[in-house]
Amino acid sequence: MRHSLLWLLLVILPSQTGATPTAAVTLAPVILMTFTQTLSVYGVIDPDPDRITTVSLPHAGLINRVWVRNGQRVRSGDRLLEIVITPEARMQYRQAESATEFARRNLERLQRLYREKLATRNQVDSAKKELANARATLEALRQRAQNRTRMTLSAPTDGIVIRVDVTQGQQAAAGAGALLIANQQRLVARLGVEPEDLPNLTAGTTVVIIPVFTPTFRLSSSIREIHAMIDPATRLVEVLAPIPPRQAEHLIVGSRVEGDILLLRRTSEGVPRNAVLQDGKVPYVFTVRDGRAHRVAVETGLEQGDWLEIRKGLQPGTEVVVRGNYELEDGMAVREEAP
């Protein structure tokens, strides 16, 4: 029995010792794909500062009623506030009425004297000019409602009230700003960027706006303005990106957003990330030719999901090992397995 076992071992061992070791691997082709590099920043939706209307008081008066609040939507012609016009303003209108009447009578007198050869043509022309000026002043005061005791200011356009600077019972001066109305279709994403990232940005750079609370909604825009100072509160530099008017209705002023700024886009060879190994600081992959693994040094670039850009070392269509590569050595025999 012992002699039989010894004979069997002597037959098997030589055949095993002479066998070539093989490794099971899975392959994937190198493909051409588009890689992008983005900068993620955060910000807020604000009204476009270029599309904000200031409603000012045409003259001094007492704020008797305020019908709107911050954040309220208004339509053109809606009531905003009521002013009780000061006696001084009404007196100015009466004085303009008197000046107009005096200029009219003076012109009639000079025209009569001119017909009697007692006044010159220049005197008549000068009187006509004085009357025209007096009437223009009176009409301007009438348009400012200084001939009335009360005046209602109405919204000049559709929009959102973003600031109210007067309160009921306040005595306000002529020309004082009463409130601001923003165009609800003209919004911007006000994004904060680290100062060291500014050299990578230019006006016109593409940016994708993503509302924080509705990440499935995305819209494409581009940088319109890059400010030149650091916000003392956030220590960031503000960048403005306009919201397309057709998509502004999906956003609310004051809502937080993320901005993915496109820094770079290029088409290069790409391989699955797990195909690339590292020897110190030198990346490499394994390709298979004639049933054997061949180590190839590569230069990597951008990352995108589970893919890695290959800048040098591989051509499209070449197959690389994506599974089993940790066990390989250069020249080792391999056999391919299905993914």
Protein backbone atom coordinates (compact mmCIF):
# COMPACT_ATOMS: atom_id res chain seq x y z
CA MET A 1 0.00 0.00 0.00
CA ARG A 2 2.83 2.35 0.94
CA HIS A 3 4.60 1.61 -2.36
CA SER A 4 1.42 2.46 -4.34
CA LEU A 5 1.00 5.89 -2.64
CA LEU A 6 4.66 6.74 -3.15
CA TRP A 7 4.42 5.86 -6.84
CA LEU A 8 1.27 8.04 -7.23
CA LEU A 9 2.97 11.07 -5.62
CA LEU A 10 6.01 10.70 -7.83
CA VAL A 11 3.75 10.79 -10.92
CA ILE A 12 1.59 13.79 -9.88
CA LEU A 13 4.17 16.13 -8.32
CA PRO A 14 6.32 16.58 -11.43
CA SER A 15 3.34 17.51 -13.56
CA GLN A 16 2.18 20.05 -10.96
CA THR A 17 5.61 21.57 -10.54
CA GLY A 18 5.95 22.16 -14.27
CA ALA A 19 2.49 23.83 -14.68
CA THR A 20 2.41 27.57 -15.60
CA PRO A 21 0.39 29.62 -13.03
CA THR A 22 -2.52 31.63 -14.50
CA ALA A 23 -4.74 34.36 -13.06
CA ALA A 24 -8.43 34.93 -13.75
CA VAL A 25 -9.08 38.50 -14.91
CA THR A 26 -11.91 40.63 -16.25
CA LEU A 27 -11.24 43.08 -19.11
CA ALA A 28 -12.82 46.36 -20.20
CA PRO A 29 -12.00 48.54 -23.23
CA VAL A 30 -10.49 52.02 -23.11
CA ILE A 31 -13.14 54.44 -24.41
CA LEU A 32 -13.25 58.07 -25.51
CA MET A 33 -15.43 60.13 -23.17
CA THR A 34 -15.98 63.70 -22.03
CA PHE A 35 -14.48 64.70 -18.71
CA THR A 36 -15.46 67.85 -16.85
CA GLN A 37 -13.98 69.69 -13.88
CA THR A 38 -16.44 71.69 -11.81
CA LEU A 39 -16.30 73.99 -8.81
CA SER A 40 -19.20 73.60 -6.36
CA VAL A 41 -20.25 76.77 -4.55
CA TYR A 42 -23.34 77.91 -2.66
CA GLY A 43 -25.47 81.01 -2.67
CA VAL A 44 -28.96 82.49 -2.67
CA ILE A 45 -31.59 83.59 -5.18
CA ASP A 46 -31.93 87.39 -5.24
CA PRO A 47 -33.70 89.93 -7.46
CA ASP A 48 -31.61 91.18 -10.34
CA PRO A 49 -30.16 94.48 -9.05
CA ASP A 50 -30.45 95.95 -12.56
CA ARG A 51 -34.23 95.33 -12.61
CA ILE A 52 -35.30 96.91 -9.31
CA THR A 53 -37.69 99.89 -9.39
CA THR A 54 -37.51 102.56 -6.68
CA VAL A 55 -40.81 104.21 -5.75
CA SER A 56 -40.08 107.72 -4.40
CA LEU A 57 -42.37 110.29 -2.78
CA PRO A 58 -43.13 113.09 -5.28
CA HIS A 59 -43.39 115.64 -2.45
CA ALA A 60 -43.36 115.97 1.30
CA GLY A 61 -46.25 114.60 3.30
CA LEU A 62 -47.57 112.38 6.05
CA ILE A 63 -47.68 108.61 5.32
CA ASN A 64 -51.34 107.92 6.06
CA ARG A 65 -51.67 104.29 4.83
CA VAL A 66 -49.26 101.51 3.75
CA TRP A 67 -50.96 98.64 1.91
CA VAL A 68 -47.96 96.40 1.10
CA ARG A 69 -45.34 94.38 3.01
CA ASN A 70 -41.95 92.86 2.24
CA GLY A 71 -42.25 89.85 -0.06
CA GLN A 72 -45.71 90.77 -1.33
CA ARG A 73 -46.45 90.37 -5.04
CA VAL A 74 -48.03 93.39 -6.71
CA ARG A 75 -49.40 94.09 -10.15
CA SER A 76 -49.11 97.33 -12.06
CA GLY A 77 -51.66 99.79 -10.69
CA ASP A 78 -52.06 98.17 -7.25
CA ARG A 79 -52.22 100.60 -4.33
CA LEU A 80 -48.96 100.94 -2.40
CA LEU A 81 -49.43 103.82 0.06
CA GLU A 82 -51.37 107.02 0.70
CA ILE A 83 -49.82 110.42 1.47
CA VAL A 84 -51.46 113.42 3.13
CA ILE A 85 -49.87 116.34 1.30
CA THR A 86 -48.35 119.05 3.50
CA PRO A 87 -49.84 122.57 3.48
CA GLU A 88 -46.52 123.88 2.20
CA ALA A 89 -46.79 121.67 -0.87
CA ARG A 90 -50.36 122.81 -1.55
CA MET A 91 -49.25 126.42 -1.09
CA GLN A 92 -46.63 125.88 -3.77
CA TYR A 93 -49.40 124.82 -6.15
CA ARG A 94 -51.49 127.92 -5.33
CA GLN A 95 -48.48 130.13 -5.96
CA ALA A 96 -47.98 128.45 -9.33
CA GLU A 97 -51.66 129.09 -10.15
CA SER A 98 -51.24 132.78 -9.28
CA ALA A 99 -48.07 133.04 -11.35
CA THR A 100 -49.83 131.50 -14.33
CA GLU A 101 -52.79 133.86 -14.04
CA PHE A 102 -50.47 136.87 -13.71
CA ALA A 103 -48.47 135.80 -16.81
CA ARG A 104 -51.72 135.39 -18.79
CA ARG A 105 -52.99 138.86 -17.90
CA ASN A 106 -49.59 140.43 -18.57
CA LEU A 107 -49.51 138.88 -22.04
CA GLU A 108 -53.02 140.17 -22.82
CA ARG A 109 -52.00 143.67 -21.69
CA LEU A 110 -48.85 143.70 -23.79
CA GLN A 111 -50.72 142.39 -26.84
CA ARG A 112 -53.23 145.24 -26.47
CA LEU A 113 -50.43 147.79 -26.14
CA TYR A 114 -48.66 146.29 -29.15
CA ARG A 115 -51.77 146.78 -31.27
CA GLU A 116 -51.74 150.45 -30.11
CA LYS A 117 -48.04 150.76 -30.98
CA LEU A 118 -47.18 151.21 -27.28
CA ALA A 119 -45.22 147.96 -26.79
CA THR A 120 -42.56 146.16 -28.79
CA ARG A 121 -42.63 142.73 -30.38
CA ASN A 122 -39.85 141.57 -28.05
CA GLN A 123 -41.95 142.45 -25.01
CA VAL A 124 -44.85 140.37 -26.34
CA ASP A 125 -42.58 137.39 -27.10
CA SER A 126 -41.05 137.59 -23.65
CA ALA A 127 -44.51 137.59 -22.06
CA LYS A 128 -45.48 134.52 -24.10
CA LYS A 129 -42.40 132.71 -22.84
CA GLU A 130 -43.18 133.60 -19.22
CA LEU A 131 -46.72 132.29 -19.60
CA ALA A 132 -45.49 129.02 -21.14
CA ASN A 133 -43.04 128.51 -18.27
CA ALA A 134 -45.70 129.24 -15.66
CA ARG A 135 -48.11 126.78 -17.26
CA ALA A 136 -45.39 124.05 -17.42
CA THR A 137 -44.64 124.53 -13.71
CA LEU A 138 -48.33 124.36 -12.84
CA GLU A 139 -48.81 121.18 -14.89
CA ALA A 140 -45.82 119.52 -13.22
CA LEU A 141 -47.26 120.27 -9.79
CA ARG A 142 -50.66 119.02 -10.92
CA GLN A 143 -49.14 115.71 -12.05
CA ARG A 144 -47.52 115.41 -8.62
CA ALA A 145 -51.01 115.91 -7.13
CA GLN A 146 -50.01 119.01 -5.19
CA ASN A 147 -53.42 120.43 -5.96
CA ARG A 148 -54.97 117.74 -3.72
CA THR A 149 -54.87 117.06 -0.01
CA ARG A 150 -54.23 113.31 -0.40
CA MET A 151 -52.42 111.18 -2.95
CA THR A 152 -52.25 107.42 -3.55
CA LEU A 153 -49.07 105.93 -5.00
CA SER A 154 -49.60 102.89 -7.24
CA ALA A 155 -47.25 100.14 -8.41
CA PRO A 156 -45.57 101.20 -11.67
CA THR A 157 -44.96 97.58 -12.71
CA ASP A 158 -45.59 93.95 -11.79
CA GLY A 159 -43.14 92.62 -9.23
CA ILE A 160 -42.25 91.72 -5.67
CA VAL A 161 -41.94 94.28 -2.89
CA ILE A 162 -38.47 93.64 -1.47
CA ARG A 163 -38.16 96.63 0.84
CA VAL A 164 -40.50 99.13 2.51
CA ASP A 165 -38.74 102.19 3.93
CA VAL A 166 -41.75 104.10 5.29
CA THR A 167 -44.25 103.42 8.05
CA GLN A 168 -47.74 104.63 8.76
CA GLY A 169 -47.70 107.99 10.53
CA GLN A 170 -44.23 108.92 9.32
CA GLN A 171 -43.52 112.45 8.04
CA ALA A 172 -41.50 112.01 4.83
CA ALA A 173 -39.57 114.47 2.73
CA ALA A 174 -40.06 115.05 -0.98
CA GLY A 175 -37.95 112.69 -3.08
CA ALA A 176 -37.48 110.15 -0.27
CA GLY A 177 -37.45 106.50 -1.36
CA ALA A 178 -40.58 104.74 -0.12
CA LEU A 179 -40.09 101.15 -1.31
CA LEU A 180 -38.37 98.88 -3.83
CA ILE A 181 -40.13 96.60 -6.32
CA ALA A 182 -38.16 93.80 -8.00
CA ASN A 183 -39.10 92.28 -11.34
CA GLN A 184 -40.27 88.76 -10.43
CA GLN A 185 -39.10 87.39 -13.79
CA ARG A 186 -35.58 88.79 -13.43
CA LEU A 187 -33.66 86.90 -10.75
CA VAL A 188 -29.99 86.10 -10.18
CA ALA A 189 -28.09 83.46 -8.26
CA ARG A 190 -25.71 85.29 -5.92
CA LEU A 191 -22.90 82.75 -5.37
CA GLY A 192 -19.96 82.88 -2.96
CA VAL A 193 -16.54 81.88 -4.31
CA GLU A 194 -13.26 81.42 -2.43
CA PRO A 195 -10.79 84.18 -3.45
CA GLU A 196 -8.17 81.62 -4.54
CA ASP A 197 -10.64 80.18 -7.10
CA LEU A 198 -11.20 83.51 -8.89
CA PRO A 199 -8.33 83.08 -11.44
CA ASN A 200 -10.23 80.08 -12.86
CA LEU A 201 -13.41 82.09 -13.52
CA THR A 202 -14.38 84.47 -16.30
CA ALA A 203 -17.61 86.16 -17.34
CA GLY A 204 -19.54 83.73 -19.51
CA THR A 205 -18.37 80.58 -17.68
CA THR A 206 -21.17 77.99 -17.60
CA VAL A 207 -22.79 77.30 -14.23
CA VAL A 208 -25.57 74.85 -13.33
CA ILE A 209 -27.95 76.13 -10.62
CA ILE A 210 -29.44 73.50 -8.29
CA PRO A 211 -31.96 74.47 -5.55
CA VAL A 212 -30.83 72.90 -2.26
CA PHE A 213 -34.30 71.62 -1.33
CA THR A 214 -35.28 70.44 -4.84
CA PRO A 215 -32.04 68.94 -6.24
CA THR A 216 -33.88 67.27 -9.13
CA PHE A 217 -34.57 70.70 -10.67
CA ARG A 218 -31.52 72.06 -12.51
CA LEU A 219 -31.07 75.01 -14.81
CA SER A 220 -28.15 76.19 -16.90
CA SER A 221 -26.81 79.73 -16.74
CA SER A 222 -23.49 81.56 -17.03
CA ILE A 223 -21.51 83.98 -14.91
CA ARG A 224 -22.49 87.60 -15.61
CA GLU A 225 -20.49 89.46 -12.96
CA ILE A 226 -17.47 88.69 -10.79
CA HIS A 227 -17.17 91.17 -7.96
CA ALA A 228 -13.82 92.57 -6.88
CA MET A 229 -14.14 92.58 -3.10
CA ILE A 230 -14.50 90.08 -0.27
CA ASP A 231 -17.77 90.06 1.64
CA PRO A 232 -16.79 90.82 5.27
CA ALA A 233 -19.51 88.52 6.59
CA THR A 234 -18.83 85.41 4.48
CA ARG A 235 -15.17 86.04 3.51
CA LEU A 236 -16.17 85.04 -0.02
CA VAL A 237 -16.33 86.92 -3.32
CA GLU A 238 -19.77 87.27 -4.90
CA VAL A 239 -20.45 86.00 -8.40
CA LEU A 240 -23.79 86.68 -10.14
CA ALA A 241 -25.47 84.30 -12.58
CA PRO A 242 -28.84 85.36 -14.11
CA ILE A 243 -31.80 82.98 -13.99
CA PRO A 244 -33.51 82.45 -17.38
CA PRO A 245 -36.89 84.29 -17.20
CA ARG A 246 -38.86 81.18 -18.24
CA GLN A 247 -37.48 79.28 -15.24
CA ALA A 248 -37.66 82.08 -12.66
CA GLU A 249 -41.20 81.03 -11.66
CA HIS A 250 -39.76 77.80 -10.20
CA LEU A 251 -37.58 79.70 -7.71
CA ILE A 252 -38.33 81.81 -4.65
CA VAL A 253 -36.35 84.91 -3.69
CA GLY A 254 -34.14 84.08 -0.72
CA SER A 255 -33.95 80.32 -1.39
CA ARG A 256 -30.55 78.61 -1.09
CA VAL A 257 -28.92 77.10 -4.18
CA GLU A 258 -25.81 75.21 -5.20
CA GLY A 259 -23.84 76.32 -8.24
CA ASP A 260 -21.68 73.89 -10.20
CA ILE A 261 -19.28 76.09 -12.18
CA LEU A 262 -17.74 74.41 -15.22
CA LEU A 263 -13.97 75.00 -15.13
CA LEU A 264 -12.86 72.52 -17.78
CA ARG A 265 -14.36 70.18 -20.40
CA ARG A 266 -12.34 67.86 -22.65
CA THR A 267 -12.62 64.54 -24.49
CA SER A 268 -9.98 61.95 -23.56
CA GLU A 269 -9.41 58.23 -23.10
CA GLY A 270 -11.08 56.87 -20.00
CA VAL A 271 -10.92 53.63 -18.02
CA PRO A 272 -12.80 52.37 -14.96
CA ARG A 273 -11.14 53.67 -11.81
CA ASN A 274 -10.34 50.15 -10.51
CA ALA A 275 -8.20 49.44 -13.59
CA VAL A 276 -5.52 51.87 -12.40
CA LEU A 277 -3.01 50.75 -9.76
CA GLN A 278 -0.32 52.78 -8.02
CA ASP A 279 3.36 51.98 -7.56
CA GLY A 280 4.57 54.76 -5.32
CA LYS A 281 3.54 57.84 -7.29
CA VAL A 282 3.52 56.10 -10.68
CA PRO A 283 0.08 54.91 -11.91
CA TYR A 284 -0.11 51.87 -14.18
CA VAL A 285 -2.55 49.40 -15.72
CA PHE A 286 -2.36 45.86 -17.07
CA THR A 287 -3.25 45.02 -20.64
CA VAL A 288 -3.50 41.50 -22.05
CA ARG A 289 -1.74 40.32 -25.20
CA ASP A 290 -1.29 36.69 -26.33
CA GLY A 291 -2.69 35.43 -23.04
CA ARG A 292 -0.24 37.35 -20.86
CA ALA A 293 -0.48 40.47 -18.72
CA HIS A 294 1.62 43.47 -19.67
CA ARG A 295 2.20 46.35 -17.26
CA VAL A 296 1.78 49.80 -18.89
CA ALA A 297 2.67 53.07 -17.15
CA VAL A 298 0.01 55.77 -17.68
CA GLU A 299 -0.58 59.42 -16.92
CA THR A 300 -3.94 60.05 -15.27
CA GLY A 301 -6.05 63.20 -15.27
CA LEU A 302 -9.59 64.09 -14.24
CA GLU A 303 -11.95 61.86 -12.30
CA GLN A 304 -15.62 61.51 -13.15
CA GLY A 305 -17.76 59.12 -11.17
CA ASP A 306 -16.23 55.64 -11.48
CA TRP A 307 -14.06 56.65 -14.46
CA LEU A 308 -10.53 58.02 -14.64
CA GLU A 309 -9.01 60.04 -17.48
CA ILE A 310 -5.88 58.61 -19.13
CA ARG A 311 -3.75 61.41 -20.58
CA LYS A 312 -0.91 59.21 -21.87
CA GLY A 313 -0.14 55.52 -22.31
CA LEU A 314 -3.26 53.99 -23.86
CA GLN A 315 -5.24 54.10 -27.10
CA PRO A 316 -9.04 53.78 -27.50
CA GLY A 317 -10.10 50.16 -27.91
CA THR A 318 -7.23 48.72 -25.88
CA GLU A 319 -8.51 46.35 -23.20
CA VAL A 320 -7.32 46.74 -19.63
CA VAL A 321 -7.71 44.50 -16.61
CA VAL A 322 -10.39 45.79 -14.25
CA ARG A 323 -10.68 42.75 -11.94
CA GLY A 324 -7.89 40.48 -10.75
CA ASN A 325 -5.17 43.06 -11.49
CA TYR A 326 -3.92 43.17 -7.87
CA GLU A 327 -2.57 39.60 -8.29
CA LEU A 328 -0.77 40.21 -11.57
CA GLU A 329 2.88 40.57 -12.42
CA ASP A 330 4.31 41.67 -15.74
CA GLY A 331 4.29 38.71 -18.15
CA MET A 332 2.00 36.49 -16.07
CA ALA A 333 -0.32 34.17 -17.94
CA VAL A 334 -3.99 35.09 -17.61
CA ARG A 335 -7.36 33.75 -18.56
CA GLU A 336 -10.34 36.02 -19.17
CA GLU A 337 -13.53 35.63 -17.20
CA ALA A 338 -16.90 37.19 -17.97
CA PRO A 339 -17.76 40.33 -15.96
